Amino acid sequence: MKNISIIAAAALAIISCAQPQNQTDNFKGTVITINDSTSTFLAEGRIPVIKESDMGWITRYADQIKALEEKAAADSVSEVDVVFFGSSSIRLWKGLEDMMSPLRVVNRGYGGATVRDIHYNYSSIMAHYRPKAFVVFCDNDIAGNPNDLTTGEVLDHYRLLFQRLAYDYPDTPVFFLSWKYSDLRAGLREKQRIVNHLMAEYAAISPQVTFVDVNSLLLDENGDVNPSLFENDNLHINTDGYLLWTSVLKPQLLEICSENEI
């Protein structure tokens, strides 16, 4: 039996109405202690009021963001069924429209995105469209880089993202696709497992967020990554992998969209 205690601090209030602070000041967002049958761990999240990162966080994907803005401006249709957004696993989803048919979907993913980037580029990503549902996949905040987030920080950032979506798109469901294991990031598997655990528990108490386990679809009977479902880079999934994702996601989207007629 899982024993979960969540102590929510004032991260949202701090972000929205904080007084000027020193750049080195860090603020706790969420402290989560989880005991389950496999491990005991403490995940601590913090989000600085003033980020220490430079303009690179805003400009590093400027060309892709500009392309998304231009595509939205040229699209005469704003009322769609589903907006897909996130990182390259969304951007590279070839045949997304056909796989999700008859749903009307738009792809707002861009390569390399982290949830931190999505915060910065939120307005550009969401501009123009009024969907019945959102689907998000973005697992680059823990990628073996020096500026990786902790597992708790990942939860903090997603909480803030979901809060903003709830404010801007009241009652619009958000489907969070679980982080996927891959051979390229084999050394990060435990952290990915923790993130999925945290996000599943968060979704369980959030009326707007649904956790969709797409990771288990990519594993063999021994729990290892099935290489036949991945591209040669051992990170991104191939068409067969996307078809498996579609098999579990599409029925849920069809049900939601039929209930929320535009």
C-alpha atoms as a PDB file:
ATOM      1  CA  MET A   1       0.000   0.000   0.000  1.00  0.00           C
ATOM      2  CA  LYS A   2       1.469   3.324  -0.984  1.00  0.00           C
ATOM      3  CA  ASN A   3       1.873   5.925   1.738  1.00  0.00           C
ATOM      4  CA  ILE A   4       1.990   9.347   0.148  1.00  0.00           C
ATOM      5  CA  SER A   5       2.170  12.724   1.838  1.00  0.00           C
ATOM      6  CA  ILE A   6       2.242  15.893  -0.223  1.00  0.00           C
ATOM      7  CA  ILE A   7       3.097  19.176   1.440  1.00  0.00           C
ATOM      8  CA  ALA A   8       2.269  21.950  -1.021  1.00  0.00           C
ATOM      9  CA  ALA A   9       4.191  25.137  -0.368  1.00  0.00           C
ATOM     10  CA  ALA A  10       3.468  28.480  -1.934  1.00  0.00           C
ATOM     11  CA  ALA A  11       5.230  27.980  -5.275  1.00  0.00           C
ATOM     12  CA  LEU A  12       2.335  29.286  -7.330  1.00  0.00           C
ATOM     13  CA  ALA A  13       1.828  32.330  -5.142  1.00  0.00           C
ATOM     14  CA  ILE A  14       5.540  33.023  -5.107  1.00  0.00           C
ATOM     15  CA  ILE A  15       5.808  32.897  -8.877  1.00  0.00           C
ATOM     16  CA  SER A  16       2.791  35.142  -9.425  1.00  0.00           C
ATOM     17  CA  CYS A  17       3.186  37.800  -6.755  1.00  0.00           C
ATOM     18  CA  ALA A  18       6.643  37.607  -5.205  1.00  0.00           C
ATOM     19  CA  GLN A  19       8.581  40.694  -4.254  1.00  0.00           C
ATOM     20  CA  PRO A  20      12.005  41.096  -5.918  1.00  0.00           C
ATOM     21  CA  GLN A  21      14.447  38.531  -4.579  1.00  0.00           C
ATOM     22  CA  ASN A  22      18.140  37.808  -4.847  1.00  0.00           C
ATOM     23  CA  GLN A  23      18.880  35.466  -7.741  1.00  0.00           C
ATOM     24  CA  THR A  24      20.347  32.883  -5.423  1.00  0.00           C
ATOM     25  CA  ASP A  25      17.158  32.584  -3.383  1.00  0.00           C
ATOM     26  CA  ASN A  26      15.472  29.222  -3.923  1.00  0.00           C
ATOM     27  CA  PHE A  27      11.947  28.419  -2.840  1.00  0.00           C
ATOM     28  CA  LYS A  28      10.514  25.032  -2.055  1.00  0.00           C
ATOM     29  CA  GLY A  29       7.677  24.105  -4.369  1.00  0.00           C
ATOM     30  CA  THR A  30       6.694  20.625  -3.274  1.00  0.00           C
ATOM     31  CA  VAL A  31       8.144  18.137  -0.835  1.00  0.00           C
ATOM     32  CA  ILE A  32       6.974  14.604  -1.451  1.00  0.00           C
ATOM     33  CA  THR A  33       7.751  11.487   0.521  1.00  0.00           C
ATOM     34  CA  ILE A  34       6.734   8.218  -1.078  1.00  0.00           C
ATOM     35  CA  ASN A  35       6.995   4.726   0.345  1.00  0.00           C
ATOM     36  CA  ASP A  36       6.051   1.886  -1.957  1.00  0.00           C
ATOM     37  CA  SER A  37       6.938  -1.761  -2.335  1.00  0.00           C
ATOM     38  CA  THR A  38      10.127  -1.038  -4.274  1.00  0.00           C
ATOM     39  CA  SER A  39      11.777   1.991  -2.730  1.00  0.00           C
ATOM     40  CA  THR A  40      11.641   4.888  -0.340  1.00  0.00           C
ATOM     41  CA  PHE A  41      12.776   8.265  -1.546  1.00  0.00           C
ATOM     42  CA  LEU A  42      12.395  11.967  -0.930  1.00  0.00           C
ATOM     43  CA  ALA A  43      11.850  14.252  -3.886  1.00  0.00           C
ATOM     44  CA  GLU A  44      12.286  17.934  -3.184  1.00  0.00           C
ATOM     45  CA  GLY A  45      11.239  20.571  -5.682  1.00  0.00           C
ATOM     46  CA  ARG A  46      12.281  24.193  -5.879  1.00  0.00           C
ATOM     47  CA  ILE A  47      11.608  26.886  -8.436  1.00  0.00           C
ATOM     48  CA  PRO A  48      13.658  30.111  -8.200  1.00  0.00           C
ATOM     49  CA  VAL A  49      11.605  33.290  -8.418  1.00  0.00           C
ATOM     50  CA  ILE A  50      14.246  34.837 -10.675  1.00  0.00           C
ATOM     51  CA  LYS A  51      15.960  32.292 -12.889  1.00  0.00           C
ATOM     52  CA  GLU A  52      19.729  32.281 -12.978  1.00  0.00           C
ATOM     53  CA  SER A  53      19.708  31.004 -16.566  1.00  0.00           C
ATOM     54  CA  ASP A  54      20.586  33.425 -19.331  1.00  0.00           C
ATOM     55  CA  MET A  55      18.695  34.360 -22.478  1.00  0.00           C
ATOM     56  CA  GLY A  56      19.600  30.997 -23.951  1.00  0.00           C
ATOM     57  CA  TRP A  57      16.533  29.505 -22.298  1.00  0.00           C
ATOM     58  CA  ILE A  58      14.365  31.865 -24.309  1.00  0.00           C
ATOM     59  CA  THR A  59      16.198  32.005 -27.617  1.00  0.00           C
ATOM     60  CA  ARG A  60      17.707  28.557 -28.145  1.00  0.00           C
ATOM     61  CA  TYR A  61      14.724  27.252 -30.134  1.00  0.00           C
ATOM     62  CA  ALA A  62      13.666  30.579 -31.608  1.00  0.00           C
ATOM     63  CA  ASP A  63      13.516  29.268 -35.185  1.00  0.00           C
ATOM     64  CA  GLN A  64      11.204  26.396 -34.260  1.00  0.00           C
ATOM     65  CA  ILE A  65       9.000  28.671 -32.175  1.00  0.00           C
ATOM     66  CA  LYS A  66       8.780  31.155 -35.032  1.00  0.00           C
ATOM     67  CA  ALA A  67       7.719  28.328 -37.354  1.00  0.00           C
ATOM     68  CA  LEU A  68       4.967  27.322 -34.925  1.00  0.00           C
ATOM     69  CA  GLU A  69       3.755  30.915 -34.756  1.00  0.00           C
ATOM     70  CA  GLU A  70       3.684  31.230 -38.543  1.00  0.00           C
ATOM     71  CA  LYS A  71       1.854  27.930 -38.923  1.00  0.00           C
ATOM     72  CA  ALA A  72      -0.812  28.993 -36.438  1.00  0.00           C
ATOM     73  CA  ALA A  73      -1.219  32.377 -38.119  1.00  0.00           C
ATOM     74  CA  ALA A  74      -1.786  30.685 -41.468  1.00  0.00           C
ATOM     75  CA  ASP A  75      -4.272  28.141 -40.101  1.00  0.00           C
ATOM     76  CA  SER A  76      -7.857  29.219 -40.707  1.00  0.00           C
ATOM     77  CA  VAL A  77      -9.152  26.656 -38.207  1.00  0.00           C
ATOM     78  CA  SER A  78      -8.832  27.408 -34.505  1.00  0.00           C
ATOM     79  CA  GLU A  79     -11.415  25.045 -33.039  1.00  0.00           C
ATOM     80  CA  VAL A  80      -9.859  21.585 -32.997  1.00  0.00           C
ATOM     81  CA  ASP A  81     -10.287  18.406 -31.024  1.00  0.00           C
ATOM     82  CA  VAL A  82      -6.777  17.957 -29.617  1.00  0.00           C
ATOM     83  CA  VAL A  83      -3.588  20.006 -29.371  1.00  0.00           C
ATOM     84  CA  PHE A  84      -0.485  17.830 -29.052  1.00  0.00           C
ATOM     85  CA  PHE A  85       2.537  19.660 -27.631  1.00  0.00           C
ATOM     86  CA  GLY A  86       5.907  18.915 -26.103  1.00  0.00           C
ATOM     87  CA  SER A  87       9.284  17.765 -27.335  1.00  0.00           C
ATOM     88  CA  SER A  88      10.607  15.940 -30.403  1.00  0.00           C
ATOM     89  CA  SER A  89       8.635  12.784 -29.655  1.00  0.00           C
ATOM     90  CA  ILE A  90       5.576  14.885 -30.471  1.00  0.00           C
ATOM     91  CA  ARG A  91       7.187  16.798 -33.346  1.00  0.00           C
ATOM     92  CA  LEU A  92       8.388  13.573 -35.016  1.00  0.00           C
ATOM     93  CA  TRP A  93       4.994  11.856 -34.767  1.00  0.00           C
ATOM     94  CA  LYS A  94       4.609  11.239 -38.482  1.00  0.00           C
ATOM     95  CA  GLY A  95       1.083  10.352 -39.488  1.00  0.00           C
ATOM     96  CA  LEU A  96      -0.385  11.797 -36.300  1.00  0.00           C
ATOM     97  CA  GLU A  97      -3.399  13.197 -38.147  1.00  0.00           C
ATOM     98  CA  ASP A  98      -4.135   9.861 -39.840  1.00  0.00           C
ATOM     99  CA  MET A  99      -3.618   7.816 -36.681  1.00  0.00           C
ATOM    100  CA  MET A 100      -5.982  10.049 -34.713  1.00  0.00           C
ATOM    101  CA  SER A 101      -8.626  10.401 -37.437  1.00  0.00           C
ATOM    102  CA  PRO A 102     -11.507  11.326 -37.290  1.00  0.00           C
ATOM    103  CA  LEU A 103     -10.253  13.604 -34.513  1.00  0.00           C
ATOM    104  CA  ARG A 104      -9.008  16.998 -35.654  1.00  0.00           C
ATOM    105  CA  VAL A 105      -5.538  17.377 -34.177  1.00  0.00           C
ATOM    106  CA  VAL A 106      -2.648  19.826 -34.439  1.00  0.00           C
ATOM    107  CA  ASN A 107       1.001  19.150 -33.658  1.00  0.00           C
ATOM    108  CA  ARG A 108       2.726  21.886 -31.617  1.00  0.00           C
ATOM    109  CA  GLY A 109       5.837  19.950 -30.630  1.00  0.00           C
ATOM    110  CA  TYR A 110       9.403  21.095 -31.157  1.00  0.00           C
ATOM    111  CA  GLY A 111      12.721  19.309 -30.848  1.00  0.00           C
ATOM    112  CA  GLY A 112      14.678  19.462 -27.617  1.00  0.00           C
ATOM    113  CA  ALA A 113      11.917  21.093 -25.602  1.00  0.00           C
ATOM    114  CA  THR A 114      11.916  20.863 -21.839  1.00  0.00           C
ATOM    115  CA  VAL A 115       9.017  21.822 -19.613  1.00  0.00           C
ATOM    116  CA  ARG A 116      11.078  24.901 -18.736  1.00  0.00           C
ATOM    117  CA  ASP A 117      11.100  25.900 -22.404  1.00  0.00           C
ATOM    118  CA  ILE A 118       7.366  25.326 -22.591  1.00  0.00           C
ATOM    119  CA  HIS A 119       6.849  27.817 -19.772  1.00  0.00           C
ATOM    120  CA  TYR A 120       8.838  30.436 -21.670  1.00  0.00           C
ATOM    121  CA  ASN A 121       7.164  29.724 -25.006  1.00  0.00           C
ATOM    122  CA  TYR A 122       3.682  28.974 -23.686  1.00  0.00           C
ATOM    123  CA  SER A 123       1.899  31.802 -25.503  1.00  0.00           C
ATOM    124  CA  SER A 124       3.451  30.911 -28.852  1.00  0.00           C
ATOM    125  CA  ILE A 125       2.676  27.217 -28.473  1.00  0.00           C
ATOM    126  CA  MET A 126      -0.938  27.700 -27.432  1.00  0.00           C
ATOM    127  CA  ALA A 127      -1.735  30.690 -29.658  1.00  0.00           C
ATOM    128  CA  HIS A 128      -4.770  30.494 -31.949  1.00  0.00           C
ATOM    129  CA  TYR A 129      -6.180  27.080 -31.015  1.00  0.00           C
ATOM    130  CA  ARG A 130      -9.165  26.237 -28.818  1.00  0.00           C
ATOM    131  CA  PRO A 131      -9.097  22.462 -28.317  1.00  0.00           C
ATOM    132  CA  LYS A 132     -11.311  20.032 -26.486  1.00  0.00           C
ATOM    133  CA  ALA A 133      -8.230  18.338 -25.005  1.00  0.00           C
ATOM    134  CA  PHE A 134      -4.456  18.636 -24.703  1.00  0.00           C
ATOM    135  CA  VAL A 135      -1.820  15.913 -24.972  1.00  0.00           C
ATOM    136  CA  VAL A 136       1.672  16.612 -23.649  1.00  0.00           C
ATOM    137  CA  PHE A 137       4.879  14.593 -23.792  1.00  0.00           C
ATOM    138  CA  CYS A 138       8.175  16.141 -22.731  1.00  0.00           C
ATOM    139  CA  ASP A 139      10.902  14.157 -20.975  1.00  0.00           C
ATOM    140  CA  ASN A 140      14.064  16.206 -21.570  1.00  0.00           C
ATOM    141  CA  ASP A 141      14.326  17.876 -18.169  1.00  0.00           C
ATOM    142  CA  ILE A 142      16.243  14.835 -16.938  1.00  0.00           C
ATOM    143  CA  ALA A 143      18.559  13.865 -19.776  1.00  0.00           C
ATOM    144  CA  GLY A 144      21.957  13.447 -18.161  1.00  0.00           C
ATOM    145  CA  ASN A 145      22.854  17.125 -18.490  1.00  0.00           C
ATOM    146  CA  PRO A 146      24.425  19.399 -15.843  1.00  0.00           C
ATOM    147  CA  ASN A 147      21.293  21.557 -15.698  1.00  0.00           C
ATOM    148  CA  ASP A 148      18.878  18.650 -15.248  1.00  0.00           C
ATOM    149  CA  LEU A 149      16.002  19.161 -12.855  1.00  0.00           C
ATOM    150  CA  THR A 150      15.443  16.925  -9.867  1.00  0.00           C
ATOM    151  CA  THR A 151      12.420  14.648  -9.938  1.00  0.00           C
ATOM    152  CA  GLY A 152      10.636  16.961  -7.513  1.00  0.00           C
ATOM    153  CA  GLU A 153      11.397  19.988  -9.648  1.00  0.00           C
ATOM    154  CA  VAL A 154       9.900  18.223 -12.666  1.00  0.00           C
ATOM    155  CA  LEU A 155       6.664  17.787 -10.733  1.00  0.00           C
ATOM    156  CA  ASP A 156       6.764  21.447  -9.675  1.00  0.00           C
ATOM    157  CA  HIS A 157       7.092  22.676 -13.239  1.00  0.00           C
ATOM    158  CA  TYR A 158       4.315  20.441 -14.512  1.00  0.00           C
ATOM    159  CA  ARG A 159       2.063  21.587 -11.688  1.00  0.00           C
ATOM    160  CA  LEU A 160       2.614  25.177 -12.758  1.00  0.00           C
ATOM    161  CA  LEU A 161       1.966  24.302 -16.397  1.00  0.00           C
ATOM    162  CA  PHE A 162      -1.265  22.503 -15.551  1.00  0.00           C
ATOM    163  CA  GLN A 163      -2.386  25.394 -13.360  1.00  0.00           C
ATOM    164  CA  ARG A 164      -1.914  27.799 -16.242  1.00  0.00           C
ATOM    165  CA  LEU A 165      -3.782  25.531 -18.650  1.00  0.00           C
ATOM    166  CA  ALA A 166      -6.618  25.232 -16.135  1.00  0.00           C
ATOM    167  CA  TYR A 167      -6.831  29.024 -15.918  1.00  0.00           C
ATOM    168  CA  ASP A 168      -6.651  29.662 -19.663  1.00  0.00           C
ATOM    169  CA  TYR A 169      -8.702  26.638 -20.745  1.00  0.00           C
ATOM    170  CA  PRO A 170     -11.157  25.855 -17.941  1.00  0.00           C
ATOM    171  CA  ASP A 171     -12.432  22.284 -17.870  1.00  0.00           C
ATOM    172  CA  THR A 172     -10.246  21.265 -20.840  1.00  0.00           C
ATOM    173  CA  PRO A 173      -8.679  17.855 -20.080  1.00  0.00           C
ATOM    174  CA  VAL A 174      -4.922  17.398 -20.238  1.00  0.00           C
ATOM    175  CA  PHE A 175      -3.452  13.981 -21.044  1.00  0.00           C
ATOM    176  CA  PHE A 176       0.079  13.556 -19.718  1.00  0.00           C
ATOM    177  CA  LEU A 177       2.002  10.835 -21.547  1.00  0.00           C
ATOM    178  CA  SER A 178       4.391   9.021 -19.231  1.00  0.00           C
ATOM    179  CA  TRP A 179       8.108   9.375 -19.675  1.00  0.00           C
ATOM    180  CA  LYS A 180       9.565   6.543 -21.726  1.00  0.00           C
ATOM    181  CA  TYR A 181      12.578   4.372 -21.031  1.00  0.00           C
ATOM    182  CA  SER A 182      15.178   4.144 -23.793  1.00  0.00           C
ATOM    183  CA  ASP A 183      18.545   2.490 -24.271  1.00  0.00           C
ATOM    184  CA  LEU A 184      20.192   5.874 -24.848  1.00  0.00           C
ATOM    185  CA  ARG A 185      19.096   7.037 -21.394  1.00  0.00           C
ATOM    186  CA  ALA A 186      19.368   3.693 -19.633  1.00  0.00           C
ATOM    187  CA  GLY A 187      21.271   5.268 -16.756  1.00  0.00           C
ATOM    188  CA  LEU A 188      18.338   7.567 -16.008  1.00  0.00           C
ATOM    189  CA  ARG A 189      15.724   4.862 -15.707  1.00  0.00           C
ATOM    190  CA  GLU A 190      15.261   5.127 -11.943  1.00  0.00           C
ATOM    191  CA  LYS A 191      14.709   8.876 -12.122  1.00  0.00           C
ATOM    192  CA  GLN A 192      12.265   8.370 -14.989  1.00  0.00           C
ATOM    193  CA  ARG A 193      10.415   5.784 -12.920  1.00  0.00           C
ATOM    194  CA  ILE A 194      10.152   8.234 -10.039  1.00  0.00           C
ATOM    195  CA  VAL A 195       8.846  11.001 -12.318  1.00  0.00           C
ATOM    196  CA  ASN A 196       6.186   8.664 -13.688  1.00  0.00           C
ATOM    197  CA  HIS A 197       5.242   7.664 -10.151  1.00  0.00           C
ATOM    198  CA  LEU A 198       4.937  11.285  -9.042  1.00  0.00           C
ATOM    199  CA  MET A 199       2.960  12.327 -12.105  1.00  0.00           C
ATOM    200  CA  ALA A 200       0.568   9.384 -11.797  1.00  0.00           C
ATOM    201  CA  GLU A 201      -0.122  10.266  -8.178  1.00  0.00           C
ATOM    202  CA  TYR A 202      -0.585  13.935  -9.065  1.00  0.00           C
ATOM    203  CA  ALA A 203      -3.032  13.066 -11.845  1.00  0.00           C
ATOM    204  CA  ALA A 204      -4.979  10.873  -9.441  1.00  0.00           C
ATOM    205  CA  ILE A 205      -5.908  13.940  -7.379  1.00  0.00           C
ATOM    206  CA  SER A 206      -6.226  16.394 -10.267  1.00  0.00           C
ATOM    207  CA  PRO A 207      -9.657  16.653 -11.911  1.00  0.00           C
ATOM    208  CA  GLN A 208      -8.186  17.970 -15.157  1.00  0.00           C
ATOM    209  CA  VAL A 209      -5.092  15.783 -15.675  1.00  0.00           C
ATOM    210  CA  THR A 210      -5.018  12.175 -16.872  1.00  0.00           C
ATOM    211  CA  PHE A 211      -1.857  10.083 -16.680  1.00  0.00           C
ATOM    212  CA  VAL A 212      -1.443   7.776 -19.685  1.00  0.00           C
ATOM    213  CA  ASP A 213       1.092   4.977 -19.306  1.00  0.00           C
ATOM    214  CA  VAL A 214       2.703   4.706 -22.738  1.00  0.00           C
ATOM    215  CA  ASN A 215       6.057   3.562 -21.372  1.00  0.00           C
ATOM    216  CA  SER A 216       4.988   0.015 -20.543  1.00  0.00           C
ATOM    217  CA  LEU A 217       3.932  -0.475 -24.162  1.00  0.00           C
ATOM    218  CA  LEU A 218       7.569  -0.128 -25.215  1.00  0.00           C
ATOM    219  CA  LEU A 219       8.924  -2.850 -22.911  1.00  0.00           C
ATOM    220  CA  ASP A 220       9.285  -6.583 -23.446  1.00  0.00           C
ATOM    221  CA  GLU A 221       8.114  -9.321 -21.113  1.00  0.00           C
ATOM    222  CA  ASN A 222      11.245  -8.855 -18.988  1.00  0.00           C
ATOM    223  CA  GLY A 223      10.660  -5.144 -18.561  1.00  0.00           C
ATOM    224  CA  ASP A 224      13.486  -4.217 -20.913  1.00  0.00           C
ATOM    225  CA  VAL A 225      13.220  -1.706 -23.737  1.00  0.00           C
ATOM    226  CA  ASN A 226      11.997  -3.333 -26.961  1.00  0.00           C
ATOM    227  CA  PRO A 227      14.495  -2.090 -29.583  1.00  0.00           C
ATOM    228  CA  SER A 228      12.157  -2.956 -32.457  1.00  0.00           C
ATOM    229  CA  LEU A 229       9.953  -0.021 -31.420  1.00  0.00           C
ATOM    230  CA  PHE A 230      12.761   2.571 -31.571  1.00  0.00           C
ATOM    231  CA  GLU A 231      14.646   4.462 -34.229  1.00  0.00           C
ATOM    232  CA  ASN A 232      18.379   3.908 -34.709  1.00  0.00           C
ATOM    233  CA  ASP A 233      19.156   6.696 -32.243  1.00  0.00           C
ATOM    234  CA  ASN A 234      17.794   4.463 -29.445  1.00  0.00           C
ATOM    235  CA  LEU A 235      15.837   7.426 -28.094  1.00  0.00           C
ATOM    236  CA  HIS A 236      12.866   8.165 -30.337  1.00  0.00           C
ATOM    237  CA  ILE A 237      10.172   5.634 -31.129  1.00  0.00           C
ATOM    238  CA  ASN A 238       9.299   4.527 -34.659  1.00  0.00           C
ATOM    239  CA  THR A 239       5.949   4.146 -36.401  1.00  0.00           C
ATOM    240  CA  ASP A 240       5.206   0.863 -34.619  1.00  0.00           C
ATOM    241  CA  GLY A 241       5.820   2.596 -31.305  1.00  0.00           C
ATOM    242  CA  TYR A 242       3.480   5.442 -32.211  1.00  0.00           C
ATOM    243  CA  LEU A 243       0.809   2.957 -33.250  1.00  0.00           C
ATOM    244  CA  LEU A 244       1.001   1.432 -29.773  1.00  0.00           C
ATOM    245  CA  TRP A 245       0.700   4.870 -28.193  1.00  0.00           C
ATOM    246  CA  THR A 246      -2.312   5.538 -30.402  1.00  0.00           C
ATOM    247  CA  SER A 247      -3.956   2.284 -29.321  1.00  0.00           C
ATOM    248  CA  VAL A 248      -4.217   3.428 -25.699  1.00  0.00           C
ATOM    249  CA  LEU A 249      -4.561   7.176 -26.190  1.00  0.00           C
ATOM    250  CA  LYS A 250      -7.052   7.492 -29.042  1.00  0.00           C
ATOM    251  CA  PRO A 251      -9.995   5.733 -27.321  1.00  0.00           C
ATOM    252  CA  GLN A 252      -9.685   8.122 -24.379  1.00  0.00           C
ATOM    253  CA  LEU A 253      -9.528  11.156 -26.664  1.00  0.00           C
ATOM    254  CA  LEU A 254     -12.535   9.991 -28.673  1.00  0.00           C
ATOM    255  CA  GLU A 255     -14.543   9.624 -25.479  1.00  0.00           C
ATOM    256  CA  ILE A 256     -13.547  13.043 -24.141  1.00  0.00           C
ATOM    257  CA  CYS A 257     -14.092  14.831 -27.428  1.00  0.00           C
ATOM    258  CA  SER A 258     -17.531  13.309 -27.896  1.00  0.00           C
ATOM    259  CA  GLU A 259     -18.472  14.634 -24.458  1.00  0.00           C
ATOM    260  CA  ASN A 260     -17.039  18.099 -25.114  1.00  0.00           C
ATOM    261  CA  GLU A 261     -18.519  19.094 -28.435  1.00  0.00           C
ATOM    262  CA  ILE A 262     -17.253  22.462 -29.585  1.00  0.00           C
END
